[in-house]
Amino acid sequence: MMRKFIFLLMLIIPSTILAQINVLPNFTDLVEEHGAAVVNISATKTASVNGHQVLPEIIPNLPENSPFHEFFRRHMEPFSQPRKAEPRSMGSGFIISDDGYILTNAHVVESVEKITVKLNDKREFFAEVIGTDQKTDIALIKIEANDLPKVTRGDPEKLKVGEWVVAIGSPFGFENSVTAGIVSAKGRSLAQENFVPFIQTDVAINPGNSGGPLFNMAGEVVGINSQIYSRTGGFMGLSFAIPINVATEIADQLKENGKVSRGRIGVIIQEMTAELAESFDLPEANGALIVSIQKDGPADKAGIEIGDVILNFDGVDVASSSDLPRMVGNTKPNTKVFMRVLRNGEIKKVSIVVGEMQDDETSVSSNEQDKPIVDSANRIGLVLSELTAKRKKELDVNNGLLVDDIKPGVASHAGIRTGDVILGFNNKEMKTVRQFNLQLNKVEDGRNIALLIKRNELTTFITMKLDDDKE
């Protein structure tokens, strides 16, 4: 009976639909064809261990205040031979050229003295580090070999969420392990990772997979497996890969110059939220909001102002603030580009010459304060004073109001703190306490306002909804 039913289904359902009923793909051809280009990387760093460090192993649990501790230390240490400890770092990588260039993660090969690369055919080679880039966690290494199997590079832009992907690597040292899953998200931003739009997957990635390739179903490398989200140290369903196009750009610079040169425009930015958009009378919460500008930096020279919203950089729309660092960083220093900027409700076209990113940072700090001129608490519970000329110089600001005290109310709920300096109100510079309170009293109850706050070295907008009924 069942056979007749299946036969009838085959007659009724078109063959094109039957072909799509295959639930799980077959990865065997992909692994057999491209797995040979994946390598195992072990990195070691030698360290001397003297006789004093060996003593606890010879006589365990001997208290340091014991009279025998000093005796054994003096008489046994000269006879103890220094040993070599070899902490081992395990990782993965893949061959990108037949003459031995290999891509991996920077954290796999950083601060090591010896790198050993083991190929799929069991051959082993010592590797040389051509260059590393900590900001993207990319490293380029090379072994002395020829006619090696190499990967085919794909286009991460063509990846679709829900698409099958495969990882090959050495989790926990188990070489040539294959895991599969789907693309969970694209363009994912992670904390402290401003230059990589990560590919998020649910492919099982564990320690040792770092630096290994992420393949699409065509057998093309679309990413480098780099990070996992975990509370236990093992895989929990969230893994992140560096897009191969980002890695290739970095590798090309490392190969040519041994280092990576990035663009910068000298600004600190903040995400444009719906509340901020309302405060600035903006139609949409898109773009990167400028909260601080480096003096005499590229943005300052181009006339960019605090409160500007960068909507487009070099012809590419800035949908989110996390887009801008990657766009600027990927721009060659000394390149002139155009930006579309929203300022006080008007779109402006601004040209800017991109500078080169520096590692050093300037800071302003001072513990000395002048006696403030204090006003009474305002509508949102802030007691403000005007900055003296000396304080303005210390903070490197033209104007601003110091928060001397906070009463229970809207501002305290929003996170304003004593010692904060208010630089702006709804994108308008604040010079006097009277000006601030007049501006505040014009705002209707239930509306959002945005205060530009300087707190130590951080400048940010804080939004709050006015509600006179709040305590």
Protein backbone atom coordinates (compact mmCIF):
# COMPACT_ATOMS: atom_id res chain seq x y z
CA MET A 1 0.00 0.00 0.00
CA MET A 2 2.82 2.37 0.94
CA ARG A 3 4.67 1.66 -2.31
CA LYS A 4 1.60 2.52 -4.33
CA PHE A 5 1.23 5.78 -2.39
CA ILE A 6 4.85 6.79 -3.07
CA PHE A 7 4.46 5.87 -6.74
CA LEU A 8 1.35 8.05 -7.02
CA LEU A 9 3.21 10.97 -5.37
CA MET A 10 5.99 10.67 -7.93
CA LEU A 11 3.44 10.86 -10.74
CA ILE A 12 1.63 13.87 -9.25
CA ILE A 13 4.55 15.98 -7.88
CA PRO A 14 6.83 17.54 -10.53
CA SER A 15 10.43 16.34 -10.51
CA THR A 16 11.69 19.92 -9.80
CA ILE A 17 9.82 19.92 -6.50
CA LEU A 18 10.98 16.40 -5.62
CA ALA A 19 14.57 17.55 -6.12
CA GLN A 20 14.05 20.23 -3.46
CA ILE A 21 12.80 17.75 -0.88
CA ASN A 22 16.42 16.73 -0.08
CA VAL A 23 16.63 18.09 3.46
CA LEU A 24 20.35 17.85 4.22
CA PRO A 25 23.20 18.53 1.79
CA ASN A 26 26.11 16.17 1.22
CA PHE A 27 29.46 17.69 2.21
CA THR A 28 31.72 14.82 1.19
CA ASP A 29 32.74 16.18 -2.22
CA LEU A 30 33.51 19.60 -0.73
CA VAL A 31 35.74 18.13 1.99
CA GLU A 32 37.55 15.75 -0.37
CA GLU A 33 38.24 18.47 -2.93
CA HIS A 34 39.19 21.39 -0.67
CA GLY A 35 40.20 19.89 2.68
CA ALA A 36 43.81 19.40 1.57
CA ALA A 37 44.37 23.19 1.63
CA VAL A 38 43.56 23.37 5.36
CA VAL A 39 46.51 23.15 7.75
CA ASN A 40 47.12 22.55 11.44
CA ILE A 41 49.23 25.18 13.21
CA SER A 42 51.13 24.65 16.46
CA ALA A 43 53.11 27.48 18.00
CA THR A 44 55.51 27.19 20.93
CA LYS A 45 57.32 29.60 23.19
CA THR A 46 60.20 28.40 25.33
CA ALA A 47 60.69 29.66 28.86
CA SER A 48 63.39 28.92 31.42
CA VAL A 49 62.48 27.39 34.77
CA ASN A 50 65.13 27.71 37.50
CA GLY A 51 65.86 25.48 40.44
CA HIS A 52 63.91 27.64 42.90
CA GLN A 53 60.78 27.00 40.85
CA VAL A 54 61.55 23.25 40.86
CA LEU A 55 61.79 23.10 44.67
CA PRO A 56 58.02 22.81 45.31
CA GLU A 57 57.93 19.76 43.00
CA ILE A 58 60.71 18.02 44.95
CA ILE A 59 59.33 18.79 48.41
CA PRO A 60 55.63 19.60 48.06
CA ASN A 61 53.70 21.58 50.67
CA LEU A 62 56.88 22.91 52.30
CA PRO A 63 55.93 26.26 53.95
CA GLU A 64 58.10 29.22 53.01
CA ASN A 65 58.49 30.13 56.70
CA SER A 66 59.88 26.68 57.44
CA PRO A 67 63.59 26.67 58.42
CA PHE A 68 64.10 23.82 55.94
CA HIS A 69 62.78 25.94 53.05
CA GLU A 70 65.80 28.24 53.05
CA PHE A 71 68.18 25.29 53.62
CA PHE A 72 66.93 23.34 50.62
CA ARG A 73 66.78 26.45 48.47
CA ARG A 74 70.45 27.30 49.10
CA HIS A 75 71.85 23.80 48.78
CA MET A 76 69.68 22.27 46.06
CA GLU A 77 69.26 25.21 43.69
CA PRO A 78 72.87 25.19 42.39
CA PHE A 79 72.47 21.52 41.40
CA SER A 80 69.10 22.02 39.73
CA GLN A 81 69.39 22.27 35.96
CA PRO A 82 67.26 24.91 34.20
CA ARG A 83 64.46 23.34 32.22
CA LYS A 84 62.52 24.49 29.23
CA ALA A 85 58.74 24.80 29.35
CA GLU A 86 56.95 24.92 26.01
CA PRO A 87 53.45 26.38 26.19
CA ARG A 88 51.68 25.22 23.03
CA SER A 89 49.15 27.19 21.01
CA MET A 90 46.99 25.18 18.65
CA GLY A 91 45.14 26.64 15.70
CA SER A 92 44.22 26.25 12.05
CA GLY A 93 44.94 28.00 8.79
CA PHE A 94 44.57 27.59 5.03
CA ILE A 95 46.85 27.91 2.03
CA ILE A 96 46.05 30.86 -0.25
CA SER A 97 48.88 30.42 -2.79
CA ASP A 98 50.72 27.36 -4.08
CA ASP A 99 54.08 28.81 -2.99
CA GLY A 100 53.25 28.57 0.71
CA TYR A 101 51.39 31.68 1.91
CA ILE A 102 48.89 30.82 4.65
CA LEU A 103 46.14 32.84 6.35
CA THR A 104 45.31 32.38 10.02
CA ASN A 105 44.35 34.42 13.10
CA ALA A 106 46.84 36.80 14.69
CA HIS A 107 46.11 35.43 18.16
CA VAL A 108 47.25 31.96 17.01
CA VAL A 109 50.80 33.08 16.19
CA GLU A 110 51.40 36.16 18.35
CA SER A 111 54.28 36.21 20.88
CA VAL A 112 55.68 32.84 19.80
CA GLU A 113 59.19 31.66 18.92
CA LYS A 114 58.46 28.68 16.69
CA ILE A 115 55.54 27.91 14.38
CA THR A 116 55.00 24.46 12.90
CA VAL A 117 52.57 23.91 10.05
CA LYS A 118 51.28 20.39 9.43
CA LEU A 119 49.71 19.69 6.05
CA ASN A 120 46.90 17.31 5.26
CA ASP A 121 49.45 14.82 3.84
CA LYS A 122 51.31 14.79 7.22
CA ARG A 123 54.29 16.84 6.02
CA GLU A 124 55.51 19.44 8.52
CA PHE A 125 57.20 22.80 7.92
CA PHE A 126 58.50 25.64 10.04
CA ALA A 127 56.68 28.89 9.20
CA GLU A 128 57.76 32.52 9.07
CA VAL A 129 55.41 35.30 10.18
CA ILE A 130 55.08 37.79 7.33
CA GLY A 131 52.89 40.14 9.35
CA THR A 132 50.00 40.38 11.80
CA ASP A 133 47.16 42.84 12.29
CA GLN A 134 45.66 42.91 15.78
CA LYS A 135 42.69 45.10 14.87
CA THR A 136 41.26 42.46 12.53
CA ASP A 137 43.01 39.43 14.10
CA ILE A 138 44.58 38.47 10.76
CA ALA A 139 48.04 36.94 10.29
CA LEU A 140 49.93 36.00 7.14
CA ILE A 141 52.59 33.29 7.48
CA LYS A 142 54.69 31.42 4.94
CA ILE A 143 56.28 27.99 4.58
CA GLU A 144 59.01 27.04 2.11
CA ALA A 145 57.14 24.71 -0.24
CA ASN A 146 55.79 24.71 -3.79
CA ASP A 147 52.93 23.20 -5.78
CA LEU A 148 50.68 23.22 -2.71
CA PRO A 149 46.89 22.85 -2.83
CA LYS A 150 45.18 26.19 -2.28
CA VAL A 151 41.67 27.38 -1.54
CA THR A 152 39.32 29.19 -3.89
CA ARG A 153 38.09 32.52 -2.56
CA GLY A 154 34.38 33.30 -2.60
CA ASP A 155 32.35 36.48 -2.26
CA PRO A 156 30.92 37.02 1.26
CA GLU A 157 28.58 39.69 -0.12
CA LYS A 158 26.67 36.93 -1.94
CA LEU A 159 26.13 34.91 1.24
CA LYS A 160 22.52 34.70 2.38
CA VAL A 161 21.28 34.25 5.91
CA GLY A 162 20.14 30.64 6.25
CA GLU A 163 22.68 29.34 3.73
CA TRP A 164 24.70 26.23 4.57
CA VAL A 165 28.40 26.71 5.42
CA VAL A 166 31.19 24.31 6.44
CA ALA A 167 34.22 24.73 8.72
CA ILE A 168 37.37 22.61 8.63
CA GLY A 169 39.97 22.90 11.38
CA SER A 170 41.63 21.37 14.41
CA PRO A 171 39.38 21.85 17.45
CA PHE A 172 41.21 20.81 20.63
CA GLY A 173 43.99 19.51 18.34
CA PHE A 174 41.78 17.02 16.47
CA GLU A 175 43.07 17.64 12.95
CA ASN A 176 40.87 17.92 9.86
CA SER A 177 37.61 18.03 11.78
CA VAL A 178 34.57 19.05 9.73
CA THR A 179 31.53 20.86 11.14
CA ALA A 180 28.57 22.41 9.34
CA GLY A 181 25.75 24.84 9.98
CA ILE A 182 24.04 27.88 8.55
CA VAL A 183 24.72 31.60 8.30
CA SER A 184 22.88 33.15 11.24
CA ALA A 185 23.53 36.83 10.44
CA LYS A 186 25.80 39.09 8.37
CA GLY A 187 27.61 42.32 9.12
CA ARG A 188 27.59 41.64 12.85
CA SER A 189 29.45 44.19 15.00
CA LEU A 190 31.21 42.99 18.14
CA ALA A 191 32.49 44.99 21.09
CA GLN A 192 35.96 46.46 20.48
CA GLU A 193 35.90 45.11 16.91
CA ASN A 194 35.30 48.16 14.72
CA PHE A 195 36.94 47.01 11.52
CA VAL A 196 35.27 43.65 10.85
CA PRO A 197 31.65 43.02 9.72
CA PHE A 198 31.53 39.48 11.12
CA ILE A 199 29.65 36.57 9.59
CA GLN A 200 27.68 34.91 12.40
CA THR A 201 27.02 31.18 12.07
CA ASP A 202 25.86 28.25 14.18
CA VAL A 203 28.75 26.09 12.94
CA ALA A 204 30.40 24.29 15.86
CA ILE A 205 33.66 26.18 16.46
CA ASN A 206 35.94 25.38 19.41
CA PRO A 207 39.49 26.26 20.54
CA GLY A 208 41.80 25.10 17.76
CA ASN A 209 39.37 26.03 14.98
CA SER A 210 40.71 29.61 15.09
CA GLY A 211 42.18 30.65 11.76
CA GLY A 212 40.49 27.88 9.80
CA PRO A 213 38.35 28.45 6.70
CA LEU A 214 34.59 28.81 6.42
CA PHE A 215 33.37 27.35 3.09
CA ASN A 216 30.16 27.93 1.17
CA MET A 217 28.52 25.02 -0.62
CA ALA A 218 30.46 25.80 -3.80
CA GLY A 219 33.69 24.99 -1.95
CA GLU A 220 34.78 28.63 -1.82
CA VAL A 221 36.25 30.20 1.31
CA VAL A 222 34.00 33.01 2.50
CA GLY A 223 35.50 33.64 5.93
CA ILE A 224 38.08 32.88 8.62
CA ASN A 225 36.67 31.34 11.81
CA SER A 226 37.82 33.67 14.55
CA GLN A 227 35.63 33.90 17.65
CA ILE A 228 32.92 32.15 19.61
CA TYR A 229 30.44 33.40 22.17
CA SER A 230 30.73 31.17 25.20
CA ARG A 231 30.16 31.14 28.94
CA THR A 232 31.94 27.81 29.34
CA GLY A 233 34.92 28.11 26.96
CA GLY A 234 33.27 25.73 24.48
CA PHE A 235 30.80 26.07 21.63
CA MET A 236 27.35 27.42 22.54
CA GLY A 237 25.78 27.96 19.12
CA LEU A 238 27.30 31.35 18.23
CA SER A 239 30.47 31.61 16.17
CA PHE A 240 31.91 34.47 14.15
CA ALA A 241 34.01 34.52 10.99
CA ILE A 242 36.02 37.33 9.38
CA PRO A 243 34.83 37.85 5.78
CA ILE A 244 37.48 36.67 3.32
CA ASN A 245 37.45 39.95 1.40
CA VAL A 246 38.47 41.80 4.58
CA ALA A 247 41.18 39.21 5.28
CA THR A 248 42.49 39.38 1.70
CA GLU A 249 42.86 43.17 1.82
CA ILE A 250 44.81 42.87 5.07
CA ALA A 251 46.96 40.02 3.72
CA ASP A 252 47.87 42.00 0.61
CA GLN A 253 49.12 44.91 2.76
CA LEU A 254 51.01 42.58 5.08
CA LYS A 255 52.68 40.88 2.14
CA GLU A 256 53.65 44.17 0.52
CA ASN A 257 54.51 46.33 3.55
CA GLY A 258 54.59 44.04 6.58
CA LYS A 259 51.97 46.22 8.26
CA VAL A 260 48.50 47.65 7.68
CA SER A 261 47.82 51.33 6.98
CA ARG A 262 44.34 52.62 7.84
CA GLY A 263 42.51 55.85 7.30
CA ARG A 264 41.13 58.07 10.05
CA ILE A 265 39.18 61.32 10.22
CA GLY A 266 39.59 62.15 13.92
CA VAL A 267 36.08 61.84 15.34
CA ILE A 268 34.25 59.93 18.05
CA ILE A 269 30.82 58.76 16.99
CA GLN A 270 27.62 57.50 18.56
CA GLU A 271 24.73 55.41 17.26
CA MET A 272 21.73 57.45 16.10
CA THR A 273 18.73 56.15 18.06
CA ALA A 274 15.05 56.90 17.53
CA GLU A 275 15.09 59.15 20.61
CA LEU A 276 18.08 61.13 19.33
CA ALA A 277 16.49 61.42 15.90
CA GLU A 278 13.37 62.91 17.49
CA SER A 279 15.47 65.31 19.57
CA PHE A 280 17.25 66.57 16.45
CA ASP A 281 14.04 66.64 14.35
CA LEU A 282 15.50 64.02 12.00
CA PRO A 283 13.25 61.89 9.77
CA GLU A 284 15.16 58.59 10.32
CA ALA A 285 17.58 57.11 12.85
CA ASN A 286 20.36 56.49 10.32
CA GLY A 287 23.98 57.58 10.15
CA ALA A 288 26.83 58.17 12.58
CA LEU A 289 26.41 60.96 15.14
CA ILE A 290 29.54 63.03 15.87
CA VAL A 291 30.09 63.54 19.60
CA SER A 292 33.75 64.60 19.65
CA ILE A 293 36.26 65.99 17.14
CA GLN A 294 40.02 65.87 17.42
CA LYS A 295 41.52 69.33 17.28
CA ASP A 296 43.33 69.98 13.98
CA GLY A 297 42.37 66.49 12.76
CA PRO A 298 40.96 65.79 9.28
CA ALA A 299 37.32 66.31 10.37
CA ASP A 300 38.16 69.54 12.20
CA LYS A 301 39.97 70.90 9.14
CA ALA A 302 37.02 69.90 6.93
CA GLY A 303 34.59 71.92 9.10
CA ILE A 304 32.76 68.99 10.71
CA GLU A 305 30.90 69.99 13.88
CA ILE A 306 29.75 68.16 16.99
CA GLY A 307 26.15 67.06 16.41
CA ASP A 308 26.66 66.47 12.68
CA VAL A 309 25.30 63.19 11.37
CA ILE A 310 27.35 61.51 8.63
CA LEU A 311 24.86 59.87 6.28
CA ASN A 312 27.15 58.95 3.40
CA PHE A 313 30.91 58.41 3.10
CA ASP A 314 32.60 58.30 -0.30
CA GLY A 315 29.35 57.41 -2.05
CA VAL A 316 28.27 54.69 0.38
CA ASP A 317 25.34 55.21 2.77
CA VAL A 318 26.09 54.95 6.49
CA ALA A 319 23.15 52.95 7.82
CA SER A 320 24.66 52.50 11.28
CA SER A 321 27.49 54.12 13.23
CA SER A 322 29.39 50.81 13.15
CA ASP A 323 29.64 51.13 9.35
CA LEU A 324 31.74 54.30 9.44
CA PRO A 325 34.97 53.01 11.12
CA ARG A 326 35.23 50.25 8.51
CA MET A 327 34.61 52.65 5.63
CA VAL A 328 37.18 55.15 6.88
CA GLY A 329 39.69 52.47 7.93
CA ASN A 330 39.61 50.89 4.48
CA THR A 331 40.31 54.24 2.80
CA LYS A 332 43.90 54.91 1.83
CA PRO A 333 45.43 57.78 3.85
CA ASN A 334 45.70 61.15 2.07
CA THR A 335 42.70 60.28 -0.12
CA LYS A 336 40.16 63.06 -0.67
CA VAL A 337 36.55 61.89 -0.32
CA PHE A 338 33.13 63.50 -0.03
CA MET A 339 30.67 63.02 2.81
CA ARG A 340 26.97 63.81 3.01
CA VAL A 341 26.32 65.37 6.41
CA LEU A 342 23.08 66.36 8.14
CA ARG A 343 23.44 69.56 10.17
CA ASN A 344 20.50 71.36 11.80
CA GLY A 345 18.05 69.78 9.39
CA GLU A 346 20.05 70.58 6.26
CA ILE A 347 22.07 68.23 4.05
CA LYS A 348 25.61 69.43 3.36
CA LYS A 349 28.29 68.00 1.08
CA VAL A 350 31.69 68.09 2.78
CA SER A 351 35.07 67.16 1.30
CA ILE A 352 37.67 65.68 3.62
CA VAL A 353 41.24 64.43 3.26
CA VAL A 354 41.54 61.15 5.16
CA GLY A 355 44.47 60.96 7.56
CA GLU A 356 46.43 57.93 8.76
CA MET A 357 45.48 56.12 11.94
CA GLN A 358 47.84 56.61 14.87
CA ASP A 359 48.31 54.30 17.84
CA ASP A 360 48.80 57.06 20.39
CA GLU A 361 46.00 59.01 22.05
CA THR A 362 45.95 62.38 23.73
CA SER A 363 44.23 62.87 27.04
CA VAL A 364 43.29 65.80 29.27
CA SER A 365 42.98 65.38 32.99
CA SER A 366 43.06 67.58 36.07
CA ASN A 367 42.18 67.19 39.71
CA GLU A 368 42.09 70.90 40.48
CA GLN A 369 38.69 72.63 40.32
CA ASP A 370 37.60 76.23 40.72
CA LYS A 371 34.76 77.21 42.96
CA PRO A 372 31.60 77.00 40.83
CA ILE A 373 28.83 79.53 40.53
CA VAL A 374 25.85 77.41 41.59
CA ASP A 375 22.24 77.82 40.45
CA SER A 376 19.14 76.11 41.90
CA ALA A 377 17.87 72.80 40.54
CA ASN A 378 16.05 73.06 37.22
CA ARG A 379 13.07 71.21 35.78
CA ILE A 380 14.94 67.91 35.34
CA GLY A 381 16.72 68.07 38.70
CA LEU A 382 20.12 69.41 37.70
CA VAL A 383 22.09 71.99 39.66
CA LEU A 384 24.43 73.57 37.11
CA SER A 385 27.29 76.05 37.13
CA GLU A 386 29.20 77.81 34.35
CA LEU A 387 32.77 76.77 33.66
CA THR A 388 35.54 79.19 34.52
CA ALA A 389 38.16 80.10 31.91
CA LYS A 390 40.71 77.90 33.66
CA ARG A 391 38.37 74.91 33.73
CA LYS A 392 37.53 75.33 30.04
CA LYS A 393 41.23 75.24 29.22
CA GLU A 394 41.74 72.11 31.31
CA LEU A 395 38.83 70.34 29.62
CA ASP A 396 39.76 71.71 26.17
CA VAL A 397 36.24 73.00 25.55
CA ASN A 398 34.93 76.39 24.46
CA ASN A 399 31.83 76.34 26.65
CA GLY A 400 29.87 74.04 28.90
CA LEU A 401 27.96 73.68 32.14
CA LEU A 402 29.17 71.64 35.12
CA VAL A 403 26.70 69.36 36.91
CA ASP A 404 27.28 70.24 40.59
CA ASP A 405 24.36 68.29 42.06
CA ILE A 406 21.44 66.11 40.97
CA LYS A 407 18.03 66.00 42.61
CA PRO A 408 15.61 63.07 42.11
CA GLY A 409 14.05 63.47 38.68
CA VAL A 410 14.36 62.86 34.96
CA ALA A 411 18.12 63.52 34.73
CA SER A 412 19.02 61.10 37.53
CA HIS A 413 16.89 58.38 35.89
CA ALA A 414 18.68 59.01 32.57
CA GLY A 415 22.12 58.46 34.12
CA ILE A 416 23.48 62.02 34.41
CA ARG A 417 26.15 62.18 37.12
CA THR A 418 27.67 64.84 39.31
CA GLY A 419 30.82 66.11 37.62
CA ASP A 420 29.47 65.67 34.08
CA VAL A 421 29.90 68.63 31.76
CA ILE A 422 26.94 69.49 29.52
CA LEU A 423 28.25 70.75 26.19
CA GLY A 424 25.04 70.81 24.18
CA PHE A 425 21.25 70.70 24.34
CA ASN A 426 19.47 69.20 21.31
CA ASN A 427 22.52 69.90 19.17
CA LYS A 428 22.87 73.50 20.41
CA GLU A 429 25.96 74.68 22.28
CA MET A 430 25.33 75.68 25.89
CA LYS A 431 27.15 78.71 27.32
CA THR A 432 25.12 79.82 30.37
CA VAL A 433 22.85 78.23 32.95
CA ARG A 434 20.11 80.73 32.04
CA GLN A 435 20.33 79.75 28.36
CA PHE A 436 20.03 76.06 29.31
CA ASN A 437 16.97 76.54 31.54
CA LEU A 438 15.21 78.77 29.00
CA GLN A 439 15.76 76.11 26.33
CA LEU A 440 14.59 73.39 28.72
CA ASN A 441 11.37 75.21 29.62
CA LYS A 442 10.40 75.51 25.95
CA VAL A 443 10.18 71.73 25.56
CA GLU A 444 6.71 70.22 25.98
CA ASP A 445 6.10 67.46 28.49
CA GLY A 446 6.47 64.01 26.90
CA ARG A 447 9.09 65.09 24.36
CA ASN A 448 12.64 63.68 24.13
CA ILE A 449 15.69 65.87 24.61
CA ALA A 450 19.36 65.03 24.03
CA LEU A 451 22.20 66.38 26.17
CA LEU A 452 25.78 66.21 24.92
CA ILE A 453 27.78 65.10 27.96
CA LYS A 454 31.54 65.08 28.54
CA ARG A 455 32.53 62.60 31.25
CA ASN A 456 36.27 62.28 31.80
CA GLU A 457 37.59 61.52 28.30
CA LEU A 458 34.25 60.24 26.96
CA THR A 459 31.78 62.44 25.09
CA THR A 460 28.30 61.09 24.41
CA PHE A 461 24.66 62.08 23.91
CA ILE A 462 22.21 61.05 26.63
CA THR A 463 18.50 61.17 25.83
CA MET A 464 15.61 61.57 28.25
CA LYS A 465 11.86 62.09 27.99
CA LEU A 466 10.51 65.06 29.89
CA ASP A 467 7.85 64.11 32.38
CA ASP A 468 7.02 66.60 35.12
CA ASP A 469 5.07 63.92 36.98
CA LYS A 470 8.24 61.89 37.66
CA GLU A 471 9.86 62.21 41.05
